[in-house]
Amino acid sequence: MLQIANLCKAYGQKAVLHNLNLNLAPGEVYGLLGPNGAGKTTTIRILCHLLQADSGSVTICDRPLSDATKSLIGLVPQENLQYACLTCEENLHFFARLYGISRQQRRIQVPACLESVGLLERAKSLAETLSGGMKRRLSVAIALVHNPKLLILDEPTTGLDIEARIELWRLIRQLQNQGMTILLTTHLLDEAERLCDRLGILKQGCLVAEGSLASLRQCIAAQEIVVVRTTAEDKAIARAQTLGFPCRRYGDDLAFWLPEALEMKDLIDRFDGIPLESIARQPVRLEHIYDEVLKNGMN
């Protein structure tokens, strides 16, 4: 579906992308992750033919990137792409005309897109009257109005409440079930963990890790993460070192990597003599992988 080969881009002396290689299969949800400045936005702008790469190649549906491939891509940007003073259906008709879709086609396509995002009953409502979640779904409908093959979702749920996020997650899964290929960028790691078949982590323009969540867990030499709270952190860290448990900090949490899962009683026994306020077992999550890859690189 999408092939990116050795893509490079620099702004003056600052290199932003370094030989980026990505391949998205049809019907796949791919999560492109990374901190601000990692190169995600630059990648999207190149895919949408809004920015010229310095070198490398991009093909979409086996066609080289060009003005002609713009119609193969639907983009939902971070900011809602719609006109507040137009109704939902008027917004879709406007953007459909920009893509050269005939009036006859629009009569079919516009209500179909509104129905696909659950907004058909709000077709006559002004965009400014919609809730935040509905506005995001309208942006998705606008991105789909020309029947693209690849949908790019740039931080799709940022700023939404949990109910609206869940609604949008359902919509993304529904679109995937219909065969849509989706490239998703997000800073919400639980969102990426829930939605994405594969994940790529960018750091300073380089793809430093890629794979399914299961394969990315191999970046961490742990079967389980244990978070402890204690007034004697130095003693806990020293004990963990003798046990062969690597130590990490996640925010304010002191955590240890366990090479094998232990029962809670066995775990408490390992820290016998150390005053523990609390101790909690956690599975290895994407947040742990992401933190490790960005700070220490791949094992």
Foldseek 3Di string as FASTA:
>chain_A
DKWWFQWWAADVPATQAGGDTDDFDWLFEEEEEEDPSLRPVVVVCVQLVNDPTPDTWMDDPNHTDDPVQNLQEFECAPDQDFDQAAFLLVRLVVLCVVVVNDPVLSVVLSLVLCVLLVRNVRRRPGLNPDDPLVSLSSSVSSSPSSPHQEYEYEQSCPPHDPVSVVSVLVSLVVVSVVGHHYYYYHPPQVSCLPRGQKYFYGDSNYGQDIDGPVVLCLQDLAQKKKWWDAPCVVLVCVLCVVVVWDWDDDDPTIMTGHNDDDDPVVVVVSVPPTDTPDMDIGGDGVVNSNVCCRPPTGD
